[in-house]
Amino acid sequence: MRAPVAGDVRPSPIAGTWYPGSPERLAKSVDEMLAAAPLVSLDGQIMGLVVPHAGHRYSGIIAARAFRLVQGMSFERVVVISPMHHYYDAPILTSSHDAYQTPLGHIPIDRATLDALWQRIPVASVRRDPEHALEIELPFLQRALKGPFTLVPLMLRDQSFGVAEALGKALATVLGTYQGTLLVASSDLSHFYTEQEAKELDEAMLNRVAAFDPRGVIRIEDEGRGFACGRAAIASVLVAARELGADEVQIVGYGTSADVTGDRSRVVGYGAAVIYRSQGKAGST
């Protein structure tokens, strides 16, 4: 559990609904999902994750497959990029609070990194936002990572490649060197197709992710061949990770809401991936 921080804390609008509101129940639930996730062997340095953002009951076991890969690791900061599902008149948003709150404690916001980012790309600050897609990842980070970390929260209204590329490159410039930062893209996949249709659409989208193709992630939705509500978040993280030296992406989990509900007529797709710098490349520098 993180120690409280002084100052202005964003209260959670989803604790007790999207995930358990009790610290004990939340910790137990997340720990069980992490323990159930397979540990995939990777020959390289993990730099980023792609994870779903439905309620923990629905997509948590898929998200855990990515978060399991960073369990026990330490990062100075975590950049979480999600879509903004609510209307705000700005393409890129962040929180103006000093910290995020979950039942597991407070996570301080890295204001210095956000200020440096704002010098390169406009980022609007909002208060008491209702967005679930960013917060839903925080309990996994709090339980998986070793030691405290600061948070760089970013939410995208604009889903264009131009914005995603600009944000990814600006982030890479601000971060400078990768050391101490984990990048996290929060996104579900297709929504409300039959399970058979969803699997075809989701496979096409995940193929673009696995191909390390940020432009393709946006284009395939424009063409109606695959969908991701956080496609710009995925593209931004891929752009930033590549700029910082990542060269491989591996899909580590996939499922649909039907795995929980049994309703295969209208499903939501969930995928998880890890972005990393291969050992061969790391060893050559």
Protein backbone atom coordinates (compact mmCIF):
# COMPACT_ATOMS: atom_id res chain seq x y z
CA MET A 1 0.00 0.00 0.00
CA ARG A 2 1.33 3.43 -0.91
CA ALA A 3 1.77 6.09 1.73
CA PRO A 4 -0.63 9.02 1.44
CA VAL A 5 0.72 12.17 -0.17
CA ALA A 6 -0.10 15.68 0.92
CA GLY A 7 -2.01 17.93 -1.42
CA ASP A 8 -4.88 17.69 -3.84
CA VAL A 9 -5.86 14.08 -4.53
CA ARG A 10 -8.20 12.92 -7.33
CA PRO A 11 -10.85 10.74 -5.68
CA SER A 12 -11.71 7.48 -7.41
CA PRO A 13 -15.08 7.51 -9.22
CA ILE A 14 -14.96 3.76 -9.92
CA ALA A 15 -13.70 2.02 -6.76
CA GLY A 16 -16.37 -0.35 -5.53
CA THR A 17 -17.93 -0.76 -8.99
CA TRP A 18 -15.28 -1.35 -11.66
CA TYR A 19 -13.05 -3.04 -9.09
CA PRO A 20 -13.38 -3.87 -5.36
CA GLY A 21 -13.59 -0.85 -3.07
CA SER A 22 -12.06 -2.59 -0.04
CA PRO A 23 -8.24 -2.44 0.11
CA GLU A 24 -8.08 -6.02 1.32
CA ARG A 25 -10.46 -7.40 -1.31
CA LEU A 26 -8.79 -5.40 -4.08
CA ALA A 27 -5.29 -6.53 -3.14
CA LYS A 28 -6.42 -10.17 -2.90
CA SER A 29 -8.26 -10.00 -6.24
CA VAL A 30 -5.35 -8.43 -8.13
CA ASP A 31 -2.82 -10.77 -6.53
CA GLU A 32 -4.89 -13.80 -7.53
CA MET A 33 -5.13 -12.62 -11.15
CA LEU A 34 -1.37 -11.98 -11.27
CA ALA A 35 -0.65 -15.40 -9.78
CA ALA A 36 -2.90 -17.09 -12.36
CA ALA A 37 -1.20 -15.35 -15.31
CA PRO A 38 1.54 -17.29 -17.10
CA LEU A 39 5.06 -15.87 -16.99
CA VAL A 40 6.20 -15.50 -20.59
CA SER A 41 9.94 -15.68 -21.22
CA LEU A 42 11.29 -12.60 -23.02
CA ASP A 43 14.80 -12.07 -24.30
CA GLY A 44 15.05 -8.34 -23.70
CA GLN A 45 14.19 -5.27 -21.64
CA ILE A 46 10.51 -4.51 -21.10
CA MET A 47 9.63 -0.93 -22.05
CA GLY A 48 5.86 -0.92 -22.41
CA LEU A 49 2.59 -2.78 -22.05
CA VAL A 50 -0.76 -2.79 -23.84
CA VAL A 51 -3.62 -3.74 -21.51
CA PRO A 52 -7.45 -3.73 -21.58
CA HIS A 53 -9.56 -1.46 -19.37
CA ALA A 54 -12.94 -3.04 -18.71
CA GLY A 55 -13.96 -3.79 -15.14
CA HIS A 56 -11.54 -6.16 -13.44
CA ARG A 57 -14.22 -8.89 -13.46
CA TYR A 58 -14.28 -8.87 -17.25
CA SER A 59 -10.79 -8.04 -18.48
CA GLY A 60 -8.59 -8.25 -15.39
CA ILE A 61 -7.32 -11.76 -16.13
CA ILE A 62 -6.15 -10.59 -19.59
CA ALA A 63 -4.55 -7.41 -18.20
CA ALA A 64 -2.77 -9.54 -15.59
CA ARG A 65 -0.96 -11.44 -18.36
CA ALA A 66 0.91 -8.23 -19.21
CA PHE A 67 1.32 -6.90 -15.68
CA ARG A 68 2.69 -10.29 -14.56
CA LEU A 69 5.73 -9.63 -16.74
CA VAL A 70 6.73 -6.57 -14.70
CA GLN A 71 5.89 -8.04 -11.29
CA GLY A 72 8.67 -7.31 -8.83
CA MET A 73 10.29 -4.71 -11.09
CA SER A 74 10.99 -1.13 -10.05
CA PHE A 75 10.23 1.93 -12.17
CA GLU A 76 10.71 5.56 -11.19
CA ARG A 77 7.67 6.61 -13.22
CA VAL A 78 4.84 5.03 -15.19
CA VAL A 79 3.25 6.77 -18.17
CA VAL A 80 -0.34 5.55 -18.64
CA ILE A 81 -2.09 6.64 -21.84
CA SER A 82 -5.79 5.92 -22.26
CA PRO A 83 -8.69 7.20 -24.31
CA MET A 84 -10.98 9.83 -22.81
CA HIS A 85 -14.50 8.46 -23.20
CA HIS A 86 -16.15 11.70 -22.02
CA TYR A 87 -16.42 15.00 -23.84
CA TYR A 88 -13.69 17.57 -23.24
CA ASP A 89 -12.71 20.26 -25.72
CA ALA A 90 -9.04 19.26 -26.00
CA PRO A 91 -7.20 16.48 -27.88
CA ILE A 92 -4.89 15.50 -24.99
CA LEU A 93 -5.78 15.73 -21.30
CA THR A 94 -4.19 15.12 -17.94
CA SER A 95 -5.17 15.56 -14.31
CA SER A 96 -4.57 18.82 -12.46
CA HIS A 97 -4.58 16.98 -9.13
CA ASP A 98 -1.38 16.11 -7.25
CA ALA A 99 -2.12 12.40 -7.00
CA TYR A 100 -4.51 9.61 -7.98
CA GLN A 101 -6.33 7.69 -5.27
CA THR A 102 -7.24 4.01 -5.24
CA PRO A 103 -8.17 1.88 -2.21
CA LEU A 104 -4.53 0.76 -2.19
CA GLY A 105 -3.23 4.28 -1.57
CA HIS A 106 -2.19 7.42 -3.41
CA ILE A 107 0.05 7.63 -6.48
CA PRO A 108 1.76 11.03 -6.90
CA ILE A 109 1.56 12.64 -10.32
CA ASP A 110 4.89 13.46 -11.98
CA ARG A 111 4.26 17.15 -12.51
CA ALA A 112 7.80 17.87 -13.70
CA THR A 113 7.48 15.42 -16.60
CA LEU A 114 4.04 16.78 -17.49
CA ASP A 115 5.35 20.35 -17.43
CA ALA A 116 8.23 19.38 -19.73
CA LEU A 117 5.79 17.60 -22.04
CA TRP A 118 3.53 20.66 -22.17
CA GLN A 119 6.49 22.68 -23.52
CA ARG A 120 6.40 20.43 -26.61
CA ILE A 121 2.71 19.59 -27.10
CA PRO A 122 -0.48 21.12 -25.63
CA VAL A 123 -1.93 19.07 -22.75
CA ALA A 124 -5.08 20.34 -21.03
CA SER A 125 -5.54 19.80 -17.30
CA VAL A 126 -8.89 18.69 -15.85
CA ARG A 127 -10.21 18.11 -12.34
CA ARG A 128 -12.26 15.21 -10.96
CA ASP A 129 -12.53 13.57 -14.37
CA PRO A 130 -14.81 10.49 -14.56
CA GLU A 131 -12.52 8.50 -16.88
CA HIS A 132 -12.16 4.83 -15.93
CA ALA A 133 -9.74 3.69 -18.64
CA LEU A 134 -6.65 5.16 -16.99
CA GLU A 135 -7.49 4.50 -13.35
CA ILE A 136 -8.46 0.86 -13.90
CA GLU A 137 -4.77 0.00 -14.50
CA LEU A 138 -3.48 1.57 -11.30
CA PRO A 139 -4.27 -1.22 -8.79
CA PHE A 140 -2.36 -3.67 -11.01
CA LEU A 141 0.62 -1.33 -11.02
CA GLN A 142 0.40 -0.83 -7.26
CA ARG A 143 0.44 -4.56 -6.59
CA ALA A 144 2.84 -5.65 -9.34
CA LEU A 145 5.62 -3.09 -9.12
CA LYS A 146 8.26 -3.07 -6.42
CA GLY A 147 8.56 0.22 -4.58
CA PRO A 148 6.89 3.57 -5.17
CA PHE A 149 6.50 5.24 -8.56
CA THR A 150 5.13 8.49 -9.92
CA LEU A 151 2.40 8.67 -12.55
CA VAL A 152 2.21 10.52 -15.86
CA PRO A 153 -1.52 10.30 -16.72
CA LEU A 154 -2.56 11.13 -20.29
CA MET A 155 -6.02 10.76 -21.85
CA LEU A 156 -6.74 11.18 -25.55
CA ARG A 157 -9.92 12.57 -27.09
CA ASP A 158 -8.31 12.82 -30.53
CA GLN A 159 -7.74 9.37 -32.06
CA SER A 160 -5.82 10.51 -35.14
CA PHE A 161 -2.35 9.26 -36.01
CA GLY A 162 -1.08 12.83 -36.16
CA VAL A 163 -1.84 13.41 -32.49
CA ALA A 164 -0.64 9.93 -31.48
CA GLU A 165 2.67 10.37 -33.30
CA ALA A 166 3.22 13.88 -31.94
CA LEU A 167 2.55 12.74 -28.39
CA GLY A 168 4.75 9.66 -28.70
CA LYS A 169 7.69 11.64 -30.06
CA ALA A 170 7.26 14.39 -27.47
CA LEU A 171 7.23 11.80 -24.69
CA ALA A 172 10.39 10.18 -26.00
CA THR A 173 12.13 13.56 -26.11
CA VAL A 174 11.06 14.43 -22.57
CA LEU A 175 12.00 11.04 -21.16
CA GLY A 176 15.37 11.25 -22.90
CA THR A 177 16.64 7.84 -21.94
CA TYR A 178 14.42 4.93 -21.12
CA GLN A 179 15.89 4.18 -17.71
CA GLY A 180 13.23 4.11 -15.00
CA THR A 181 10.07 4.56 -17.10
CA LEU A 182 7.32 2.09 -18.00
CA LEU A 183 4.89 2.98 -20.81
CA VAL A 184 1.33 1.62 -20.57
CA ALA A 185 -1.35 1.84 -23.28
CA SER A 186 -4.89 1.23 -22.04
CA SER A 187 -7.34 -0.04 -24.68
CA ASP A 188 -10.12 -2.54 -25.24
CA LEU A 189 -10.66 -3.98 -28.71
CA SER A 190 -13.89 -4.42 -30.71
CA HIS A 191 -17.26 -3.70 -29.08
CA PHE A 192 -20.60 -5.53 -29.41
CA TYR A 193 -19.99 -7.83 -32.36
CA THR A 194 -20.69 -11.55 -32.19
CA GLU A 195 -17.78 -13.45 -30.71
CA GLN A 196 -16.84 -14.89 -34.09
CA GLU A 197 -16.84 -11.45 -35.72
CA ALA A 198 -14.96 -9.95 -32.76
CA LYS A 199 -12.20 -12.53 -32.96
CA GLU A 200 -11.61 -11.77 -36.63
CA LEU A 201 -11.57 -8.00 -36.05
CA ASP A 202 -9.41 -8.29 -32.95
CA GLU A 203 -6.91 -10.57 -34.64
CA ALA A 204 -6.47 -7.98 -37.39
CA MET A 205 -5.87 -5.22 -34.83
CA LEU A 206 -3.51 -7.29 -32.70
CA ASN A 207 -1.56 -8.24 -35.82
CA ARG A 208 -0.84 -4.52 -36.35
CA VAL A 209 0.25 -4.20 -32.73
CA ALA A 210 2.49 -7.26 -33.02
CA ALA A 211 3.97 -5.85 -36.22
CA PHE A 212 5.01 -2.72 -34.27
CA ASP A 213 2.94 -0.67 -36.71
CA PRO A 214 1.48 2.41 -34.95
CA ARG A 215 0.20 3.92 -38.18
CA GLY A 216 -1.45 0.61 -39.06
CA VAL A 217 -3.22 0.54 -35.67
CA ILE A 218 -5.03 3.73 -36.65
CA ARG A 219 -5.47 2.86 -40.33
CA ILE A 220 -7.05 -0.55 -39.78
CA GLU A 221 -9.87 1.04 -37.79
CA ASP A 222 -10.34 3.75 -40.40
CA GLU A 223 -10.75 0.91 -42.92
CA GLY A 224 -13.24 -0.94 -40.68
CA ARG A 225 -11.09 -4.08 -40.45
CA GLY A 226 -10.23 -3.89 -36.75
CA PHE A 227 -11.17 -1.79 -33.74
CA ALA A 228 -9.65 -0.48 -30.51
CA CYS A 229 -11.23 2.28 -28.44
CA GLY A 230 -7.74 3.30 -27.31
CA ARG A 231 -6.09 2.98 -30.70
CA ALA A 232 -4.35 6.36 -30.36
CA ALA A 233 -3.08 5.36 -26.90
CA ILE A 234 -1.61 2.18 -28.41
CA ALA A 235 -0.09 4.11 -31.31
CA SER A 236 1.41 6.75 -28.98
CA VAL A 237 3.06 4.14 -26.79
CA LEU A 238 4.41 2.28 -29.83
CA VAL A 239 5.86 5.51 -31.24
CA ALA A 240 7.44 6.50 -27.91
CA ALA A 241 8.80 3.02 -27.25
CA ARG A 242 10.38 2.80 -30.71
CA GLU A 243 11.98 6.23 -30.29
CA LEU A 244 13.43 5.00 -26.99
CA GLY A 245 14.89 1.86 -28.54
CA ALA A 246 12.20 -0.84 -28.40
CA ASP A 247 12.13 -3.17 -31.38
CA GLU A 248 9.81 -6.06 -30.51
CA VAL A 249 6.15 -6.55 -29.53
CA GLN A 250 4.65 -9.81 -28.33
CA ILE A 251 0.94 -10.51 -27.79
CA VAL A 252 0.59 -12.23 -24.41
CA GLY A 253 -3.16 -12.51 -23.93
CA TYR A 254 -6.55 -12.37 -25.64
CA GLY A 255 -10.14 -12.97 -24.57
CA THR A 256 -13.65 -11.58 -24.79
CA SER A 257 -16.38 -10.69 -22.35
CA ALA A 258 -18.09 -13.96 -23.31
CA ASP A 259 -15.43 -15.79 -21.30
CA VAL A 260 -17.10 -14.30 -18.21
CA THR A 261 -20.72 -13.70 -19.20
CA GLY A 262 -21.32 -16.59 -21.58
CA ASP A 263 -23.12 -14.20 -23.96
CA ARG A 264 -21.50 -14.69 -27.36
CA SER A 265 -23.94 -12.50 -29.30
CA ARG A 266 -22.48 -9.12 -28.19
CA VAL A 267 -18.93 -9.18 -26.86
CA VAL A 268 -16.06 -6.85 -26.09
CA GLY A 269 -12.55 -7.95 -27.04
CA TYR A 270 -9.54 -7.69 -24.74
CA GLY A 271 -5.88 -8.02 -25.68
CA ALA A 272 -2.56 -7.73 -23.84
CA ALA A 273 0.92 -7.17 -25.24
CA VAL A 274 4.45 -6.41 -24.11
CA ILE A 275 6.83 -4.04 -25.89
CA TYR A 276 10.52 -4.59 -25.37
CA ARG A 277 14.07 -3.95 -26.51
CA SER A 278 15.51 -7.25 -27.68
CA GLN A 279 18.62 -8.56 -25.96
CA GLY A 280 20.61 -8.55 -29.19
CA LYS A 281 19.92 -4.89 -29.76
CA ALA A 282 20.56 -3.99 -26.14
CA GLY A 283 23.86 -5.86 -26.24
CA SER A 284 25.01 -4.06 -29.37
CA THR A 285 24.88 -0.58 -27.86
